[in-house]
Protein backbone atom coordinates (compact mmCIF):
# COMPACT_ATOMS: atom_id res chain seq x y z
CA MET A 1 84.91 57.74 74.80
CA ASN A 2 84.46 55.48 77.85
CA ARG A 3 83.11 56.43 81.26
CA PHE A 4 86.57 57.05 82.71
CA GLY A 5 87.48 59.69 80.15
CA SER A 6 84.04 61.29 80.35
CA LEU A 7 84.32 61.70 84.12
CA LEU A 8 87.78 63.25 83.84
CA GLY A 9 86.41 65.73 81.29
CA GLN A 10 83.85 66.94 83.87
CA TYR A 11 86.30 66.98 86.78
CA GLY A 12 87.65 70.26 88.17
CA ALA A 13 90.02 68.93 90.88
CA THR A 14 88.36 71.05 93.57
CA LEU A 15 86.76 70.31 96.92
CA SER A 16 83.29 71.10 95.58
CA LYS A 17 80.66 68.44 96.23
CA LYS A 18 80.40 67.79 92.49
CA ASP A 19 84.13 67.20 92.02
CA VAL A 20 84.41 65.04 95.14
CA ASP A 21 81.52 62.88 93.87
CA ILE A 22 83.25 62.55 90.49
CA LEU A 23 86.56 61.62 92.14
CA ARG A 24 84.75 59.02 94.23
CA GLU A 25 83.20 57.51 91.08
CA ILE A 26 86.56 57.49 89.29
CA ASP A 27 88.00 55.63 92.26
CA SER A 28 85.19 53.05 92.16
CA LEU A 29 85.65 52.52 88.41
CA ASP A 30 89.32 51.87 89.03
CA GLY A 31 88.60 48.57 90.71
CA LYS A 32 87.24 49.73 94.06
CA SER A 33 90.79 50.28 95.26
CA SER A 34 92.76 52.91 97.12
CA ILE A 35 93.12 56.36 95.58
CA LEU A 36 96.83 55.55 95.24
CA LYS A 37 96.04 52.81 92.72
CA TYR A 38 95.25 55.18 89.83
CA ASN A 39 96.92 58.20 88.32
CA PRO A 40 94.71 60.25 85.97
CA PHE A 41 96.81 63.38 85.66
CA ILE A 42 94.96 65.41 83.03
CA TRP A 43 91.45 66.60 83.90
CA GLY A 44 88.87 69.14 82.77
CA GLU A 45 88.37 70.26 79.18
CA ALA A 46 91.86 69.12 78.19
CA ALA A 47 91.28 65.51 79.32
CA PRO A 48 89.14 64.21 76.40
CA ILE A 49 91.50 65.75 73.83
CA PHE A 50 94.63 64.50 75.58
CA TYR A 51 93.50 60.91 76.00
CA ALA A 52 91.82 60.71 72.58
CA SER A 53 95.07 61.78 70.95
CA ILE A 54 96.92 58.90 72.55
CA GLY A 55 94.41 56.21 71.73
CA ASP A 56 92.56 54.00 74.15
CA THR A 57 91.51 56.28 77.01
CA ARG A 58 91.47 53.69 79.78
CA HIS A 59 95.02 52.60 78.88
CA SER A 60 96.20 56.18 78.42
CA LEU A 61 95.41 57.03 82.03
CA PHE A 62 98.66 55.34 82.89
CA GLN A 63 100.73 57.23 80.34
CA ILE A 64 102.88 59.95 81.87
CA PRO A 65 102.26 63.46 80.50
CA LYS A 66 104.90 66.13 81.00
CA SER A 67 105.12 67.85 84.38
CA ASN A 68 104.27 71.25 82.89
CA HIS A 69 101.02 69.76 81.49
CA VAL A 70 100.10 68.25 84.85
CA MET A 71 100.92 71.21 87.10
CA GLY A 72 100.02 73.85 84.50
CA GLN A 73 96.33 72.95 84.88
CA TYR A 74 96.14 74.61 88.29
CA LYS A 75 95.43 78.35 88.55
CA ARG A 76 98.06 80.19 90.56
CA ASP A 77 95.66 82.24 92.73
CA GLN A 78 93.49 79.24 93.54
CA MET A 79 96.54 77.14 94.39
CA ILE A 80 97.85 79.84 96.74
CA LYS A 81 94.44 79.99 98.45
CA THR A 82 94.46 76.19 98.81
CA LEU A 83 97.86 76.34 100.49
CA GLU A 84 96.78 79.16 102.82
CA GLN A 85 93.49 77.50 103.77
CA PHE A 86 94.64 73.87 103.55
CA PRO A 87 91.95 71.63 105.12
CA LEU A 88 94.07 69.98 107.83
CA ASP A 89 91.28 67.59 108.81
CA LEU A 90 90.58 66.34 105.27
CA SER A 91 90.68 62.55 105.10
CA LEU A 92 92.45 60.72 102.30
CA ASP A 93 89.56 58.24 102.43
CA LEU A 94 87.09 59.25 99.71
CA THR A 95 84.22 57.53 101.53
CA ASP A 96 84.50 60.09 104.32
CA ASP A 97 81.79 62.70 103.67
CA HIS A 98 82.85 65.02 106.51
CA HIS A 99 84.25 67.84 104.41
CA GLU A 100 83.17 71.36 103.58
CA ASP A 101 81.91 72.20 100.10
CA ARG A 102 84.78 74.39 98.86
CA PRO A 103 84.79 74.91 95.07
CA ASP A 104 87.34 77.71 95.66
CA LEU A 105 89.97 75.21 96.89
CA TYR A 106 91.75 72.46 94.96
CA ASP A 107 91.55 68.92 96.32
CA PRO A 108 94.96 68.12 97.91
CA ARG A 109 94.21 64.39 97.67
CA TYR A 110 94.11 64.53 93.89
CA ILE A 111 97.15 66.80 93.54
CA LEU A 112 99.33 64.79 95.93
CA THR A 113 98.31 61.50 94.32
CA SER A 114 99.14 62.84 90.86
CA LEU A 115 102.51 64.10 92.12
CA TYR A 116 103.25 60.74 93.75
CA HIS A 117 102.87 58.96 90.40
CA LEU A 118 104.44 61.74 88.34
CA LEU A 119 107.56 61.62 90.52
CA GLY A 120 108.03 57.88 90.15
CA PRO A 121 111.76 56.99 89.89
CA GLU A 122 111.21 55.65 86.36
CA ASN A 123 110.00 59.04 85.06
CA ALA A 124 111.98 62.00 83.71
CA VAL A 125 110.87 65.04 85.70
CA ASN A 126 111.49 68.77 85.46
CA CYS A 127 112.08 69.46 89.18
CA ASN A 128 112.21 73.22 88.69
CA GLN A 129 108.80 73.14 87.04
CA ILE A 130 107.36 71.06 89.88
CA ILE A 131 108.69 73.52 92.49
CA LYS A 132 107.54 76.64 90.61
CA SER A 133 104.08 75.11 90.17
CA PHE A 134 103.62 74.61 93.94
CA GLY A 135 104.33 70.85 93.89
CA LEU A 136 106.90 71.15 96.70
CA SER A 137 104.68 73.61 98.55
CA ILE A 138 101.60 71.41 98.71
CA ALA A 139 103.67 68.41 99.82
CA LEU A 140 105.14 70.49 102.66
CA VAL A 141 101.75 71.79 103.82
CA GLY A 142 100.36 68.25 103.61
CA THR A 143 102.77 67.21 106.39
CA SER A 144 100.79 69.51 108.72
CA SER A 145 97.62 67.47 108.19
CA GLU A 146 95.90 65.96 111.21
CA ILE A 147 95.31 62.79 109.16
CA ILE A 148 98.13 60.22 109.29
CA SER A 149 97.52 58.86 105.77
CA MET A 150 97.59 62.38 104.29
CA ARG A 151 100.89 63.12 106.00
CA HIS A 152 102.31 59.78 104.83
CA LEU A 153 101.40 60.55 101.22
CA SER A 154 102.94 64.03 101.53
CA TYR A 155 106.20 62.63 102.90
CA LEU A 156 106.32 60.10 100.05
CA VAL A 157 105.98 62.94 97.52
CA LEU A 158 108.84 64.81 99.25
CA GLU A 159 111.05 61.70 99.16
CA ARG A 160 110.40 61.18 95.47
CA LEU A 161 111.08 64.83 94.65
CA LEU A 162 114.33 64.66 96.63
CA PHE A 163 115.32 61.54 94.65
CA HIS A 164 114.93 63.44 91.36
CA LEU A 165 116.75 66.49 92.73
CA GLU A 166 119.71 64.37 93.82
CA ALA A 167 119.76 62.68 90.43
CA SER A 168 120.11 66.05 88.66
CA LYS A 169 122.83 67.78 90.67
CA SER A 170 124.32 69.28 87.53
CA LEU A 171 121.98 72.22 88.09
CA SER A 172 123.34 74.76 90.59
CA ALA A 173 119.87 75.65 91.97
CA VAL A 174 119.30 71.99 92.81
CA TYR A 175 121.80 72.19 95.70
CA PHE A 176 119.65 74.77 97.47
CA TRP A 177 116.44 72.74 97.13
CA THR A 178 118.19 69.54 98.21
CA HIS A 179 119.44 71.34 101.32
CA PHE A 180 115.97 72.85 101.83
CA ILE A 181 114.27 69.43 101.96
CA ASP A 182 117.11 67.95 104.04
CA CYS A 183 116.65 70.73 106.62
CA PHE A 184 112.94 70.02 106.73
CA ARG A 185 113.51 66.30 107.25
CA ALA A 186 116.10 67.02 109.97
CA SER A 187 113.43 69.05 111.81
CA MET A 188 111.38 65.88 112.34
CA SER A 189 111.73 64.10 115.66
CA SER A 190 109.74 61.02 114.58
CA PRO A 191 108.59 59.36 111.34
CA ASN A 192 105.41 60.74 109.76
CA GLN A 193 105.42 63.59 112.29
CA LYS A 194 102.76 66.31 112.12
CA MET A 195 104.68 69.50 111.33
CA PRO A 196 103.50 72.94 112.52
CA PHE A 197 101.26 74.62 109.97
CA LEU A 198 102.99 77.90 110.80
CA LEU A 199 106.33 76.39 109.77
CA THR A 200 105.09 74.85 106.51
CA SER A 201 103.24 78.07 105.62
CA LEU A 202 106.48 80.01 106.18
CA LEU A 203 108.37 77.59 103.95
CA VAL A 204 105.76 78.03 101.20
CA LYS A 205 106.37 81.79 101.32
CA ILE A 206 110.12 81.22 101.23
CA ILE A 207 109.73 79.09 98.09
CA GLU A 208 107.83 81.95 96.42
CA THR A 209 110.46 84.51 97.44
CA ILE A 210 113.48 82.43 96.38
CA ASP A 211 112.06 82.49 92.86
CA THR A 212 112.35 86.31 92.86
CA PRO A 213 115.95 87.31 93.84
CA LYS A 214 115.12 91.03 93.59
CA ASP A 215 112.68 90.73 96.50
CA SER A 216 113.82 92.80 99.50
CA MET A 217 113.44 89.76 101.79
CA PHE A 218 115.36 87.39 99.49
CA TYR A 219 118.64 87.26 101.42
CA GLU A 220 117.00 87.22 104.85
CA LEU A 221 114.84 84.23 103.91
CA LYS A 222 117.61 82.46 102.01
CA ASP A 223 119.94 82.80 105.01
CA PHE A 224 117.19 81.38 107.21
CA VAL A 225 117.33 78.17 105.15
CA THR A 226 121.11 77.92 104.77
CA ALA A 227 122.23 79.09 108.23
CA LYS A 228 121.37 75.93 110.18
CA PRO A 229 120.91 72.22 109.42
CA LYS A 230 117.27 72.21 110.57
CA PHE A 231 114.31 74.48 111.33
CA ASP A 232 113.44 74.94 115.02
CA CYS A 233 111.09 77.15 117.07
CA ASP A 234 113.85 79.47 118.21
CA GLN A 235 115.12 80.02 114.67
CA ILE A 236 111.61 80.66 113.29
CA SER A 237 110.58 83.13 116.01
CA SER A 238 113.93 84.93 115.69
CA LEU A 239 113.32 85.34 111.95
CA PHE A 240 109.88 86.83 112.63
CA ILE A 241 111.25 89.29 115.19
CA ASN A 242 114.13 90.29 112.88
CA LEU A 243 111.65 91.01 110.08
CA LEU A 244 109.38 92.99 112.41
CA LEU A 245 112.40 95.07 113.50
CA SER A 246 113.78 95.38 109.97
CA LYS A 247 115.57 98.63 109.11
CA ASP A 248 115.29 97.90 105.40
CA LEU A 249 113.77 100.59 103.19
CA GLU A 250 110.86 98.19 102.70
CA TRP A 251 110.43 97.55 106.44
CA LYS A 252 106.64 97.79 106.15
CA LYS A 253 106.62 94.90 103.67
CA CYS A 254 108.67 92.78 106.11
CA GLN A 255 106.31 93.66 108.96
CA ARG A 256 103.22 92.85 106.91
CA PHE A 257 104.77 89.55 105.77
CA VAL A 258 105.05 88.36 109.38
CA LEU A 259 101.67 89.64 110.55
CA ASN A 260 99.87 88.12 107.55
CA LEU A 261 101.51 84.77 108.25
CA LEU A 262 100.63 84.83 111.94
CA ALA A 263 97.06 85.99 111.26
CA ARG A 264 96.21 82.94 109.14
CA SER A 265 98.62 80.17 110.08
CA VAL A 266 98.23 79.60 113.83
CA ARG A 267 95.80 76.71 114.13
CA SER A 268 97.13 74.51 116.94
CA GLU A 269 99.14 74.34 120.15
CA GLN A 270 102.05 73.22 118.01
CA ASP A 271 101.95 76.49 116.07
CA PHE A 272 101.70 78.51 119.27
CA GLU A 273 104.89 76.88 120.59
CA ILE A 274 106.72 78.87 117.91
CA CYS A 275 104.99 82.07 119.06
CA LYS A 276 106.10 81.48 122.65
CA CYS A 277 109.78 81.35 121.72
CA ASN A 278 111.71 84.59 122.25
CA ASN A 279 108.52 86.16 123.67
CA LEU A 280 107.20 86.64 120.12
CA PHE A 281 103.55 86.72 121.22
CA ASN A 282 104.20 89.31 123.93
CA TYR A 283 106.19 91.40 121.46
CA ILE A 284 103.23 91.37 119.06
CA LEU A 285 100.98 92.62 121.87
CA SER A 286 103.45 95.39 122.70
CA ILE A 287 103.53 96.88 119.18
CA PHE A 288 99.74 97.12 118.81
CA THR A 289 99.66 100.79 119.80
CA SER A 290 102.95 101.71 118.13
CA LYS A 291 102.89 104.59 115.64
CA TRP A 292 104.69 102.28 113.20
CA VAL A 293 101.66 99.97 113.12
CA ASP A 294 98.77 101.08 110.91
CA TRP A 295 95.08 100.11 111.11
CA LEU A 296 95.47 97.12 108.77
CA ASP A 297 98.38 95.80 110.84
CA ARG A 298 96.20 96.10 113.96
CA ILE A 299 93.47 94.05 112.31
CA LEU A 300 96.03 91.35 111.48
CA ILE A 301 97.28 91.37 115.08
CA ILE A 302 93.73 90.95 116.40
CA GLN A 303 93.11 88.09 113.93
CA PHE A 304 96.31 86.44 115.17
CA ILE A 305 95.12 86.76 118.79
CA LYS A 306 91.69 85.42 117.80
CA ASN A 307 93.26 82.29 116.30
CA CYS A 308 95.33 81.73 119.44
CA SER A 309 92.29 82.31 121.66
CA ARG A 310 90.29 79.58 119.94
CA ILE A 311 92.65 76.95 121.43
CA PRO A 312 91.72 76.31 125.11
CA LYS A 313 95.20 75.40 126.39
CA VAL A 314 96.75 78.34 124.56
CA LEU A 315 94.14 80.77 125.89
CA THR A 316 94.87 79.60 129.44
CA ILE A 317 98.54 80.50 128.91
CA LEU A 318 97.65 83.87 127.39
CA VAL A 319 95.35 84.84 130.26
CA ILE A 320 97.70 83.71 133.04
CA GLU A 321 101.16 84.39 131.62
CA SER A 322 100.60 87.15 129.05
CA GLY A 323 97.80 89.04 130.80
CA LEU A 324 95.65 88.98 127.65
CA ILE A 325 92.46 90.22 129.33
CA VAL A 326 94.35 93.04 131.10
CA TRP A 327 95.92 94.00 127.75
CA LEU A 328 92.51 93.91 126.05
CA THR A 329 90.98 96.08 128.79
CA ASN A 330 93.74 98.66 128.32
CA ILE A 331 93.34 98.67 124.52
CA VAL A 332 89.58 99.22 124.77
CA MET A 333 89.97 101.97 127.36
CA THR A 334 92.68 103.88 125.49
CA SER A 335 92.30 103.12 121.79
CA TYR A 336 88.77 101.92 121.01
CA ARG A 337 87.38 105.43 120.39
CA SER A 338 89.86 106.04 117.57
CA MET A 339 89.28 102.66 115.92
CA GLY A 340 87.44 102.32 112.64
CA SER A 341 84.46 100.01 112.15
CA SER A 342 86.65 97.10 110.94
CA GLN A 343 88.88 97.23 114.01
CA ARG A 344 85.90 97.57 116.34
CA LYS A 345 84.27 94.52 114.76
CA GLU A 346 87.47 92.48 115.21
CA ILE A 347 87.74 93.53 118.88
CA THR A 348 84.10 92.55 119.52
CA GLU A 349 84.65 89.14 117.89
CA LEU A 350 87.82 88.61 119.93
CA ILE A 351 85.94 89.26 123.18
CA GLU A 352 83.27 86.72 122.24
CA ILE A 353 85.88 84.10 121.26
CA ILE A 354 87.68 84.58 124.58
CA ARG A 355 84.39 84.28 126.49
CA LEU A 356 83.37 81.06 124.74
CA THR A 357 86.80 79.42 124.87
CA CYS A 358 87.27 80.28 128.56
CA LYS A 359 84.30 78.01 129.29
CA SER A 360 86.37 75.08 127.97
CA THR A 361 89.31 75.84 130.26
CA ASP A 362 90.03 75.39 133.96
CA LEU A 363 90.26 79.14 134.47
CA PRO A 364 88.19 80.40 137.44
CA LYS A 365 85.16 82.39 136.29
CA ASN A 366 86.19 85.47 138.25
CA SER A 367 89.39 85.69 136.17
CA TYR A 368 87.49 86.44 132.98
CA LYS A 369 83.73 86.83 133.44
CA LYS A 370 83.60 90.23 135.19
CA PRO A 371 86.53 91.75 133.24
CA LEU A 372 84.90 90.80 129.93
CA MET A 373 81.54 92.21 131.06
CA LEU A 374 83.30 95.47 131.95
CA ILE A 375 84.99 95.61 128.53
CA LYS A 376 81.68 94.99 126.74
CA SER A 377 80.03 97.70 128.83
CA VAL A 378 82.71 100.24 127.88
CA ILE A 379 82.40 99.27 124.20
CA LYS A 380 78.61 99.70 124.27
CA THR A 381 78.94 103.14 125.86
CA ILE A 382 81.48 104.30 123.28
CA ASN A 383 79.48 102.87 120.37
CA ASP A 384 76.35 104.70 121.59
CA GLN A 385 78.22 107.97 122.01
CA GLU A 386 80.59 107.93 119.07
CA PRO A 387 80.04 106.04 115.79
CA ALA A 388 83.17 104.50 114.34
CA PRO A 389 85.24 106.84 112.13
CA GLU A 390 84.87 105.95 108.47
CA SER A 391 87.67 104.66 106.20
CA ILE A 392 89.77 103.11 108.99
């Protein structure tokens, strides 16, 4: 077996240093060209067997295996984690070494490149298999990348998938997915636009739910897609508020769905624009002490506020317009004693994030320095007097 096949046999398609080094070597063996110039779909233990069964390994790299073979290599849990923690600053350029060693995440560059070639117009593709295996999901999340070339590749994958969907309209489900991608494209105001990570993360969750019609949120999320010709901030924030106010028997699931999404998907000013619509952020603050919100929900709310507070321009808005520090003072004064150790830790981290981020803003020091010192003093007094209750 030649060097190409041997490397693919050792490759794990992750963002670990080892796999990135292997991918870089594969790229150099392929004629020192762009990553888009090759398409080795099968990797890992299955690679040597697959290519040996075809014949010449180097030639077989350009044979098209079935979509279920390509996408079936990826573990569901690890793919979901990759989508949730997508590295938005990851460069498509393999010579760029500025990336975190993450063996727990798949490499989006490899997956998107494989999808680009797999979805070539000359190939017969099982679109349903691609969608169920997170092919559509990773292309959507890729459009939230900060890197232009990564977004461009993601949009190309979406265009090719749409081409195959439109070519197979005999399937009733295809109409929904065609409309789904059309709505997403209509939401763009310019070519190759960076889409909000909060939006693409929501769409990934919708894709998962649409595959399970018995889910209690099925009709709510399906209507979100079919009700309007595009996705906008007002529509997204309205959906979140409707789910938070749900009167469904599984209202807690709807509430947790929104809070989980907000807690991990707000990474930029663009994401926060959605949270400003319909006073969504202020509504989240208002329900923190509600009896309908349990301790885990409160942790998610604090994590959401922490993410917002890491963005200087957003924090300025929160302090001036939403009274974040006043709200935080009130929460510490009235609720800190009853908080468990996990909630107390989150509150302490939030205070430190606000303090550090405020230094990068134009906010006057007297608007945050003394109030935060007071809050920390109260917390220290309570911690000294009363240890955190266990189990909450």
